Protein backbone atom coordinates (compact mmCIF):
# COMPACT_ATOMS: atom_id res chain seq x y z
CA UNK A 1 7.54 18.88 -15.32
CA UNK A 2 9.15 19.28 -11.88
CA UNK A 3 7.57 16.87 -9.40
CA UNK A 4 8.31 16.55 -5.68
CA UNK A 5 6.98 13.45 -3.92
CA UNK A 6 6.87 13.51 -0.12
CA UNK A 7 6.23 10.39 1.99
CA UNK A 8 7.00 8.89 5.38
CA UNK A 9 8.35 5.64 3.92
CA UNK A 10 9.60 4.23 0.65
CA UNK A 11 11.13 0.92 -0.33
CA UNK A 12 13.84 -0.23 -0.60
CA UNK A 13 15.03 2.20 2.09
CA UNK A 14 12.27 1.84 4.69
CA UNK A 15 8.88 0.14 4.53
CA UNK A 16 6.05 -0.88 6.83
CA UNK A 17 3.31 -1.58 4.29
CA UNK A 18 1.82 -0.82 0.90
CA UNK A 19 2.78 2.87 0.99
CA UNK A 20 6.42 1.82 0.94
CA UNK A 21 5.83 -0.25 -2.19
CA UNK A 22 4.05 2.63 -3.93
CA UNK A 23 6.86 5.02 -3.09
CA UNK A 24 9.35 2.63 -4.63
CA UNK A 25 7.51 2.27 -7.94
CA UNK A 26 5.57 5.50 -8.59
CA UNK A 27 8.54 7.92 -8.59
CA UNK A 28 10.42 5.64 -10.99
CA UNK A 29 7.42 5.38 -13.31
CA UNK A 30 7.03 9.18 -13.36
CA UNK A 31 10.76 9.66 -13.94
CA UNK A 32 10.59 7.43 -17.03
CA UNK A 33 8.23 9.90 -18.68
CA UNK A 34 10.29 12.28 -20.88
CA UNK A 35 10.55 15.81 -19.55
CA UNK A 36 9.94 14.94 -15.90
CA UNK A 37 12.30 15.82 -13.07
CA UNK A 38 11.35 13.84 -9.95
CA UNK A 39 12.49 14.36 -6.36
CA UNK A 40 11.49 11.94 -3.59
CA UNK A 41 11.83 13.16 0.02
CA UNK A 42 11.85 10.74 2.98
CA UNK A 43 12.81 10.96 6.66
CA UNK A 44 16.38 9.89 7.46
CA UNK A 45 15.43 7.11 9.86
CA UNK A 46 18.01 5.37 12.01
CA UNK A 47 17.70 2.23 9.88
CA UNK A 48 18.60 4.16 6.73
CA UNK A 49 21.36 6.19 8.38
CA UNK A 50 23.19 3.08 9.57
CA UNK A 51 22.69 1.01 6.41
CA UNK A 52 26.20 0.54 4.92
CA UNK A 53 24.68 0.05 1.46
CA UNK A 54 23.37 3.64 1.32
CA UNK A 55 25.84 6.18 0.02
CA UNK A 56 24.74 9.74 0.81
CA UNK A 57 26.15 13.24 0.85
CA UNK A 58 24.96 16.28 2.75
CA UNK A 59 23.65 19.09 0.56
CA UNK A 60 22.41 21.61 3.13
CA UNK A 61 21.68 22.13 6.78
CA UNK A 62 19.56 24.77 8.50
CA UNK A 63 17.02 25.20 11.31
CA UNK A 64 13.29 24.67 10.93
CA UNK A 65 10.92 26.79 12.99
CA UNK A 66 8.23 24.62 14.57
CA UNK A 67 5.98 26.66 16.82
CA UNK A 68 8.26 28.16 19.50
CA UNK A 69 11.07 25.65 18.85
CA UNK A 70 13.87 25.57 16.30
CA UNK A 71 15.05 22.18 15.10
CA UNK A 72 18.09 21.19 13.09
CA UNK A 73 17.48 19.84 9.58
CA UNK A 74 20.12 18.20 7.43
CA UNK A 75 19.42 17.48 3.78
CA UNK A 76 21.08 14.27 2.62
CA UNK A 77 21.17 13.18 -1.01
CA UNK A 78 21.33 9.52 -2.05
CA UNK A 79 24.26 9.03 -4.42
CA UNK A 80 23.61 5.64 -6.00
CA UNK A 81 20.12 5.85 -7.50
CA UNK A 82 20.22 5.39 -11.27
CA UNK A 83 16.60 5.59 -12.45
CA UNK A 84 16.36 9.36 -12.72
CA UNK A 85 14.79 9.89 -9.28
CA UNK A 86 16.67 12.20 -6.92
CA UNK A 87 16.18 10.88 -3.37
CA UNK A 88 16.58 13.27 -0.45
CA UNK A 89 16.51 12.36 3.24
CA UNK A 90 15.53 14.79 6.02
CA UNK A 91 18.02 14.33 8.85
CA UNK A 92 17.15 15.05 12.48
CA UNK A 93 18.31 12.66 15.17
CA UNK A 94 15.76 13.82 17.72
CA UNK A 95 12.79 12.95 15.50
CA UNK A 96 14.13 10.13 13.33
CA UNK A 97 17.66 9.07 14.17
CA UNK A 98 17.42 7.97 17.78
CA UNK A 99 14.24 5.92 17.49
CA UNK A 100 14.20 2.14 17.56
CA UNK A 101 11.62 -0.39 16.51
CA UNK A 102 8.70 0.46 14.24
CA UNK A 103 8.54 3.58 12.07
CA UNK A 104 5.32 4.77 13.69
CA UNK A 105 3.83 4.49 17.14
CA UNK A 106 5.77 7.02 19.23
CA UNK A 107 3.82 9.44 21.40
CA UNK A 108 5.13 12.45 19.51
CA UNK A 109 4.38 11.14 16.00
CA UNK A 110 2.31 14.19 15.06
CA UNK A 111 5.15 16.52 16.05
CA UNK A 112 7.70 14.37 14.21
CA UNK A 113 5.80 14.55 10.94
CA UNK A 114 4.86 18.20 11.39
CA UNK A 115 8.61 18.84 11.45
CA UNK A 116 9.11 16.60 8.43
CA UNK A 117 6.38 18.32 6.40
CA UNK A 118 7.72 21.79 7.10
CA UNK A 119 11.32 20.65 6.57
CA UNK A 120 10.39 19.32 3.12
CA UNK A 121 9.16 22.73 2.01
CA UNK A 122 12.21 24.47 3.52
CA UNK A 123 14.43 21.94 1.73
CA UNK A 124 12.89 22.56 -1.67
CA UNK A 125 13.27 26.30 -1.13
CA UNK A 126 16.89 25.99 0.06
CA UNK A 127 17.81 23.88 -2.98
CA UNK A 128 16.04 26.20 -5.39
CA UNK A 129 13.83 23.36 -6.60
CA UNK A 130 10.39 24.91 -7.09
CA UNK A 131 8.16 22.07 -8.25
CA UNK A 132 5.16 22.39 -10.47
CA UNK A 133 3.49 19.72 -8.34
CA UNK A 134 4.01 18.32 -4.85
CA UNK A 135 2.43 14.91 -4.35
CA UNK A 136 2.13 13.96 -0.67
CA UNK A 137 0.81 10.84 1.01
CA UNK A 138 -1.30 9.96 4.05
CA UNK A 139 -1.53 11.76 7.37
CA UNK A 140 2.23 11.92 7.93
CA UNK A 141 2.57 14.48 5.14
CA UNK A 142 -0.85 16.08 5.57
CA UNK A 143 0.72 19.33 6.74
CA UNK A 144 2.46 19.90 3.40
CA UNK A 145 -0.63 21.33 1.64
CA UNK A 146 -1.59 23.15 4.84
CA UNK A 147 1.76 24.89 5.24
CA UNK A 148 1.95 25.50 1.50
CA UNK A 149 -1.37 27.32 1.62
CA UNK A 150 -0.80 29.14 4.92
CA UNK A 151 2.88 30.08 5.06
CA UNK A 152 4.77 29.16 1.90
CA UNK A 153 2.58 30.39 -0.96
CA UNK A 154 4.87 33.38 -1.52
CA UNK A 155 7.86 31.05 -1.96
CA UNK A 156 5.99 28.58 -4.16
CA UNK A 157 3.48 30.81 -5.99
CA UNK A 158 2.93 28.43 -8.88
CA UNK A 159 3.17 25.08 -7.08
CA UNK A 160 0.09 22.88 -6.83
CA UNK A 161 -0.36 20.13 -4.24
CA UNK A 162 -1.97 16.72 -4.64
CA UNK A 163 -2.85 14.86 -1.45
CA UNK A 164 -3.25 11.08 -1.70
CA UNK A 165 -5.09 8.98 0.89
CA UNK A 166 -3.76 5.44 1.06
CA UNK A 167 -5.68 4.49 4.21
CA UNK A 168 -8.16 6.83 5.82
CA UNK A 169 -8.21 4.83 9.05
CA UNK A 170 -5.06 6.66 10.21
CA UNK A 171 -5.69 10.41 10.22
CA UNK A 172 -3.14 12.13 12.46
CA UNK A 173 -5.04 13.13 15.59
CA UNK A 174 -3.54 15.54 18.12
CA UNK A 175 -4.84 17.49 21.14
CA UNK A 176 -6.32 20.91 20.53
CA UNK A 177 -3.31 22.76 21.96
CA UNK A 178 -1.11 21.14 19.27
CA UNK A 179 -2.27 23.85 16.87
CA UNK A 180 -0.69 26.67 18.90
CA UNK A 181 2.15 24.79 20.55
CA UNK A 182 3.61 23.04 17.50
CA UNK A 183 2.12 24.14 14.20
CA UNK A 184 2.47 27.92 14.40
CA UNK A 185 -0.19 28.43 11.75
CA UNK A 186 -2.32 31.56 11.25
CA UNK A 187 -5.36 31.45 13.51
CA UNK A 188 -7.87 31.37 10.66
CA UNK A 189 -6.56 27.93 9.66
CA UNK A 190 -7.67 26.41 12.92
CA UNK A 191 -11.18 25.58 11.72
CA UNK A 192 -9.69 23.60 8.83
CA UNK A 193 -7.91 21.26 11.23
CA UNK A 194 -10.40 21.30 14.11
CA UNK A 195 -12.51 18.18 14.60
CA UNK A 196 -14.23 17.13 17.79
CA UNK A 197 -12.20 19.68 19.75
CA UNK A 198 -8.99 18.08 18.52
CA UNK A 199 -6.60 18.60 15.61
CA UNK A 200 -7.08 16.27 12.64
CA UNK A 201 -4.21 16.64 10.18
CA UNK A 202 -5.85 14.65 7.39
CA UNK A 203 -8.95 16.85 7.53
CA UNK A 204 -6.76 19.91 7.06
CA UNK A 205 -5.01 18.36 4.07
CA UNK A 206 -8.29 17.42 2.41
CA UNK A 207 -9.54 20.98 2.73
CA UNK A 208 -6.37 22.76 1.57
CA UNK A 209 -4.96 20.54 -1.21
CA UNK A 210 -5.54 21.44 -4.84
CA UNK A 211 -6.46 17.88 -5.77
CA UNK A 212 -7.40 14.87 -3.64
CA UNK A 213 -6.77 11.30 -4.75
CA UNK A 214 -7.13 7.80 -3.37
CA UNK A 215 -5.53 4.57 -4.49
CA UNK A 216 -8.50 3.07 -6.33
CA UNK A 217 -11.62 4.33 -8.05
CA UNK A 218 -14.03 2.32 -5.90
CA UNK A 219 -12.35 3.46 -2.67
CA UNK A 220 -12.82 7.09 -3.71
CA UNK A 221 -16.57 6.46 -3.88
CA UNK A 222 -16.65 4.40 -0.69
CA UNK A 223 -15.13 7.28 1.28
CA UNK A 224 -18.41 9.16 0.88
CA UNK A 225 -19.99 6.67 3.32
CA UNK A 226 -19.53 6.58 7.12
CA UNK A 227 -18.84 2.82 7.01
CA UNK A 228 -15.52 3.43 5.25
CA UNK A 229 -14.60 7.02 6.08
CA UNK A 230 -13.88 6.78 9.82
CA UNK A 231 -15.65 10.05 10.55
CA UNK A 232 -14.43 12.03 7.53
CA UNK A 233 -17.32 11.22 5.15
CA UNK A 234 -18.72 14.76 5.38
CA UNK A 235 -15.32 16.32 4.77
CA UNK A 236 -14.72 14.02 1.80
CA UNK A 237 -18.16 14.76 0.38
CA UNK A 238 -17.46 18.49 0.49
CA UNK A 239 -14.24 17.84 -1.43
CA UNK A 240 -15.85 15.51 -3.97
CA UNK A 241 -15.29 18.07 -6.74
CA UNK A 242 -11.52 17.52 -6.53
CA UNK A 243 -11.53 13.80 -5.63
CA UNK A 244 -10.28 11.09 -8.01
CA UNK A 245 -9.24 7.47 -7.59
CA UNK A 246 -6.13 6.05 -9.30
CA UNK A 247 -5.65 2.31 -8.85
CA UNK A 248 -2.10 1.40 -7.89
CA UNK A 249 0.11 -0.86 -9.95
CA UNK A 250 2.77 -3.33 -8.84
CA UNK A 251 6.46 -3.63 -9.61
CA UNK A 252 6.33 -6.13 -12.46
CA UNK A 253 10.11 -6.52 -12.46
CA UNK A 254 10.18 -7.65 -8.83
CA UNK A 255 7.00 -9.71 -9.06
CA UNK A 256 7.91 -11.68 -12.15
CA UNK A 257 7.61 -15.49 -12.21
CA UNK A 258 10.00 -15.61 -15.18
CA UNK A 259 12.90 -14.11 -13.22
CA UNK A 260 12.07 -14.19 -9.49
CA UNK A 261 15.20 -15.59 -7.77
CA UNK A 262 13.10 -16.92 -4.88
CA UNK A 263 11.36 -19.54 -7.05
CA UNK A 264 12.51 -23.12 -7.66
CA UNK A 265 11.22 -22.93 -11.26
CA UNK A 266 10.40 -20.07 -13.60
CA UNK A 267 7.41 -19.80 -15.91
CA UNK A 268 5.11 -17.46 -17.80
CA UNK A 269 1.54 -17.66 -19.06
CA UNK A 270 2.60 -20.04 -21.84
CA UNK A 271 4.61 -22.37 -19.58
CA UNK A 272 2.32 -22.09 -16.58
CA UNK A 273 1.46 -25.79 -16.27
CA UNK A 274 4.95 -27.18 -15.85
CA UNK A 275 6.58 -24.33 -13.92
CA UNK A 276 3.79 -23.71 -11.45
CA UNK A 277 3.48 -27.45 -10.74
CA UNK A 278 7.13 -27.54 -9.65
CA UNK A 279 6.61 -24.49 -7.45
CA UNK A 280 3.55 -26.09 -5.81
CA UNK A 281 5.30 -29.37 -5.00
CA UNK A 282 8.36 -27.60 -3.59
CA UNK A 283 6.13 -25.28 -1.54
CA UNK A 284 4.20 -28.19 -0.05
CA UNK A 285 7.50 -29.79 0.92
CA UNK A 286 8.85 -26.54 2.39
CA UNK A 287 5.87 -25.87 4.67
CA UNK A 288 5.31 -29.50 5.69
CA UNK A 289 2.10 -30.25 3.80
CA UNK A 290 1.59 -33.60 2.02
CA UNK A 291 2.77 -33.36 -1.59
CA UNK A 292 -0.35 -33.69 -3.70
CA UNK A 293 -0.47 -31.89 -7.06
CA UNK A 294 -4.24 -32.47 -7.39
CA UNK A 295 -5.31 -31.03 -4.03
CA UNK A 296 -6.14 -27.32 -4.38
CA UNK A 297 -3.81 -25.20 -2.26
CA UNK A 298 -5.44 -22.05 -0.86
CA UNK A 299 -2.98 -19.42 0.32
CA UNK A 300 -2.91 -16.08 2.08
CA UNK A 301 0.00 -13.67 2.65
CA UNK A 302 -1.21 -10.94 4.96
CA UNK A 303 -0.99 -8.90 8.11
CA UNK A 304 -3.02 -10.83 10.65
CA UNK A 305 -5.44 -8.01 11.38
CA UNK A 306 -9.22 -7.93 11.62
CA UNK A 307 -9.84 -5.64 8.65
CA UNK A 308 -8.14 -8.25 6.39
CA UNK A 309 -11.24 -10.41 6.71
CA UNK A 310 -9.66 -12.98 8.97
CA UNK A 311 -12.78 -13.18 11.10
CA UNK A 312 -14.58 -14.56 8.03
CA UNK A 313 -11.84 -17.10 7.40
CA UNK A 314 -11.89 -18.19 11.04
CA UNK A 315 -15.66 -18.61 10.78
CA UNK A 316 -15.56 -20.88 7.72
CA UNK A 317 -12.19 -22.65 8.04
CA UNK A 318 -13.20 -25.83 9.87
CA UNK A 319 -16.38 -26.28 7.86
CA UNK A 320 -14.40 -25.87 4.65
CA UNK A 321 -11.76 -28.37 5.72
CA UNK A 322 -14.38 -30.90 6.80
CA UNK A 323 -16.37 -30.65 3.56
CA UNK A 324 -13.70 -30.08 0.91
CA UNK A 325 -10.48 -31.77 -0.09
CA UNK A 326 -8.12 -28.79 0.08
CA UNK A 327 -5.06 -27.37 1.79
CA UNK A 328 -4.63 -23.99 3.48
CA UNK A 329 -1.38 -22.05 3.94
CA UNK A 330 -1.17 -18.79 5.90
CA UNK A 331 1.88 -16.51 6.11
CA UNK A 332 1.94 -13.42 8.31
CA UNK A 333 2.14 -11.89 11.76
CA UNK A 334 -0.20 -9.64 13.67
CA UNK A 335 -2.93 -9.81 16.26
CA UNK A 336 -2.53 -12.55 18.85
CA UNK A 337 -6.04 -13.96 18.42
CA UNK A 338 -5.39 -14.74 14.75
CA UNK A 339 -1.86 -16.03 15.27
CA UNK A 340 -3.26 -18.36 17.96
CA UNK A 341 -6.19 -19.49 15.81
CA UNK A 342 -4.10 -20.50 12.81
CA UNK A 343 -1.47 -22.20 14.94
CA UNK A 344 -4.24 -24.18 16.62
CA UNK A 345 -5.88 -24.97 13.26
CA UNK A 346 -2.59 -26.30 11.88
CA UNK A 347 -2.27 -28.57 14.93
CA UNK A 348 -5.83 -29.80 14.46
CA UNK A 349 -5.38 -30.40 10.71
CA UNK A 350 -1.61 -31.04 10.37
CA UNK A 351 -1.96 -32.61 6.91
CA UNK A 352 -4.26 -29.86 5.62
CA UNK A 353 -3.12 -26.57 7.20
CA UNK A 354 0.25 -24.84 7.53
CA UNK A 355 0.57 -21.61 9.53
CA UNK A 356 3.82 -19.69 9.15
CA UNK A 357 3.62 -16.92 11.72
CA UNK A 358 6.59 -14.96 10.47
CA UNK A 359 7.71 -12.33 7.97
CA UNK A 360 9.57 -13.87 5.04
CA UNK A 361 9.64 -12.18 1.62
CA UNK A 362 11.20 -15.18 -0.12
CA UNK A 363 8.54 -17.52 1.21
CA UNK A 364 5.87 -14.99 0.24
CA UNK A 365 7.03 -15.12 -3.39
CA UNK A 366 7.03 -18.93 -3.34
CA UNK A 367 3.50 -18.89 -1.91
CA UNK A 368 2.28 -16.60 -4.70
CA UNK A 369 3.83 -18.99 -7.21
CA UNK A 370 2.93 -22.31 -5.58
CA UNK A 371 -0.65 -21.57 -4.55
CA UNK A 372 -3.72 -22.33 -6.64
CA UNK A 373 -6.22 -20.00 -4.94
CA UNK A 374 -5.48 -16.71 -3.17
CA UNK A 375 -7.88 -15.68 -0.38
CA UNK A 376 -8.41 -11.96 0.26
CA UNK A 377 -11.74 -11.37 2.03
CA UNK A 378 -10.77 -7.90 3.35
CA UNK A 379 -13.44 -5.90 5.13
CA UNK A 380 -12.04 -2.84 3.37
CA UNK A 381 -9.08 -2.50 1.03
CA UNK A 382 -8.15 0.93 -0.34
CA UNK A 383 -6.26 -0.73 -3.19
CA UNK A 384 -4.53 -3.94 -2.22
CA UNK A 385 -1.42 -5.28 -3.90
CA UNK A 386 -1.51 -8.94 -2.91
CA UNK A 387 -4.33 -9.83 -5.29
CA UNK A 388 -2.34 -8.37 -8.21
CA UNK A 389 0.82 -10.13 -7.06
CA UNK A 390 -1.11 -13.41 -6.91
CA UNK A 391 -2.56 -13.00 -10.39
CA UNK A 392 0.88 -12.12 -11.72
CA UNK A 393 1.98 -15.59 -10.55
CA UNK A 394 -1.15 -17.33 -11.85
CA UNK A 395 -2.92 -17.80 -8.51
CA UNK A 396 -6.67 -17.21 -8.80
CA UNK A 397 -8.02 -14.64 -6.29
CA UNK A 398 -11.15 -14.98 -4.17
CA UNK A 399 -11.93 -11.50 -2.86
CA UNK A 400 -14.52 -9.32 -1.19
CA UNK A 401 -15.68 -6.79 -3.80
CA UNK A 402 -14.51 -3.65 -2.02
CA UNK A 403 -12.08 -0.86 -2.84
CA UNK A 404 -9.23 -1.83 -5.13
CA UNK A 405 -10.22 -5.48 -4.99
CA UNK A 406 -13.39 -4.63 -6.89
CA UNK A 407 -11.42 -2.59 -9.44
CA UNK A 408 -8.72 -5.18 -10.12
CA UNK A 409 -10.69 -8.45 -9.85
CA UNK A 410 -13.79 -8.37 -12.06
CA UNK A 411 -15.92 -11.42 -11.25
CA UNK A 412 -15.98 -14.51 -13.38
CA UNK A 413 -18.88 -16.97 -13.55
CA UNK A 414 -18.95 -20.54 -12.27
CA UNK A 415 -17.15 -21.65 -15.44
CA UNK A 416 -14.28 -19.21 -14.88
CA UNK A 417 -15.36 -16.94 -17.75
CA UNK A 418 -15.92 -13.21 -17.97
CA UNK A 419 -13.56 -12.04 -15.25
CA UNK A 420 -10.33 -12.59 -13.35
CA UNK A 421 -11.45 -14.19 -10.09
CA UNK A 422 -14.29 -15.02 -7.72
CA UNK A 423 -15.91 -12.24 -5.69
CA UNK A 424 -18.58 -11.81 -3.02
CA UNK A 425 -20.51 -8.61 -2.38
CA UNK A 426 -21.69 -8.57 1.24
CA UNK A 427 -19.23 -8.94 4.06
CA UNK A 428 -20.33 -12.13 5.77
CA UNK A 429 -18.89 -15.60 6.29
CA UNK A 430 -21.56 -17.51 4.42
CA UNK A 431 -21.10 -15.51 1.23
CA UNK A 432 -17.34 -15.93 1.50
CA UNK A 433 -17.79 -19.66 2.07
CA UNK A 434 -20.05 -20.03 -0.98
CA UNK A 435 -17.57 -18.11 -3.15
CA UNK A 436 -14.62 -20.26 -2.07
CA UNK A 437 -16.74 -23.34 -2.83
CA UNK A 438 -17.45 -22.05 -6.34
CA UNK A 439 -13.74 -21.59 -6.96
CA UNK A 440 -12.89 -25.04 -5.60
CA UNK A 441 -15.65 -26.54 -7.73
CA UNK A 442 -14.14 -25.10 -10.91
CA UNK A 443 -10.70 -26.40 -9.92
CA UNK A 444 -12.00 -29.91 -9.26
CA UNK A 445 -14.40 -30.37 -12.18
CA UNK A 446 -12.75 -28.46 -15.04
CA UNK A 447 -9.00 -28.10 -14.66
CA UNK A 448 -8.67 -26.76 -18.22
CA UNK A 449 -11.07 -23.89 -17.50
CA UNK A 450 -9.23 -23.15 -14.26
CA UNK A 451 -5.94 -23.14 -16.17
CA UNK A 452 -7.39 -20.73 -18.74
CA UNK A 453 -8.40 -18.39 -15.89
CA UNK A 454 -4.88 -18.57 -14.46
CA UNK A 455 -3.38 -17.73 -17.84
CA UNK A 456 -5.76 -14.80 -18.28
CA UNK A 457 -4.75 -13.47 -14.86
CA UNK A 458 -1.07 -13.69 -15.79
CA UNK A 459 -1.55 -11.74 -19.02
CA UNK A 460 -3.01 -8.67 -17.27
CA UNK A 461 -1.03 -5.43 -17.25
CA UNK A 462 -0.65 -4.44 -13.60
CA UNK A 463 2.43 -2.28 -14.23
CA UNK A 464 2.78 1.31 -13.03
CA UNK A 465 2.76 2.73 -16.56
CA UNK A 466 -1.01 3.31 -16.69
CA UNK A 467 -1.33 4.77 -13.16
CA UNK A 468 1.67 7.03 -13.79
CA UNK A 469 0.05 8.31 -17.00
CA UNK A 470 -3.12 9.01 -15.03
CA UNK A 471 -1.16 10.94 -12.40
CA UNK A 472 0.33 13.02 -15.21
CA UNK A 473 -3.13 13.79 -16.57
CA UNK A 474 -4.18 15.10 -13.16
CA UNK A 475 -0.95 17.07 -12.72
CA UNK A 476 -1.59 18.83 -16.03
CA UNK A 477 -5.21 19.40 -15.01
CA UNK A 478 -4.10 21.04 -11.76
CA UNK A 479 -1.69 23.27 -13.65
CA UNK A 480 -4.34 24.21 -16.22
CA UNK A 481 -2.34 22.72 -19.09
């Protein structure tokens, strides 16, 4: 099967969040399936263009018509990928090459990714690669199914398009005149993109794609409700007939406590006790916490943003530290109010709390390995990868039962049996507090049962093999095979 995957970011080339991780692992997993030919298309950002480790060659160049304007497009092919995935970069200095700082956030983002979406289709046509399926991701590639339906169906008569929502909070809003000025679409497509007298790119993709997916089964159901859907609940409900959730996996080669080069000791589920104990002691030393193997170490690696449940942690933190013998370690950057709170908390409890307000992948791996309990009280979480990373390293998750957290962390009882972690249902601080207390209680009163839970977590299969197989099932379903 010929598969084209289109995204605005993809590790290891460029990444701002979970989408980048998915775009690193999913194409590889699909390419490992016999008979598949996989092409991944990404923007040729300045960071990629000037990375000396990336060897590329130009395959084509042409102009892309975007409304009344014509824009140059260069098609660059990565030369050193060896997993069967052909990686193409869309080159245009005006939209991608001359930008600095973050990937997103410029005032012309909608125009940038309108160009990218149309350029991807022109690229596939210019190369003579007519895919059976195009899989596109989030609002930045929302125009792919729209253009495919409106303007490119004669060039790709047999191609089907899957649109995947990774986070519905970001939808691609533009002023109403964007439709005429930039998109150049037939007039009868306007109602598909129109929302509140503005253009909503995600709405258009939902209505025009052949199949709609999200990154977990629970999240696909949650999107039917206004609380989660950010205004698109009605649009999602009308598309429920083509909506499916596929829970993401993680890269089990990268996140592997047996081989991770960032760890001071390696271990697996059978050698958990000795190896993880070394990692915990070294981690306590590294972050400046008192070395105490018997004190439960609660950890969190996260963006410091409100929807990650940090308001709940701020609400319970002091009470928890006053009442329980425990340590807390936070790694991340983000909103000032949370950075300030955790810095202040670490000053108030210097022997109990460490706040590392930074971005450090090596330290993140050592936190996954050295922690005992992983806190993830997210208000909403389309899928979430951190809880799976934590379990891979034998760190027991405490999570809010929402989205992918509900799918990947079935609840265990007070004895650590019947599930993979501790969960709470309603989003409030007292329920979170009680759930953390239950987890700490198991750690303190029955270390053998806690160890058995850790081992069970480590033995789970969170690889991309199962999700990739599910994607293939849906691809065949779209194609009527």
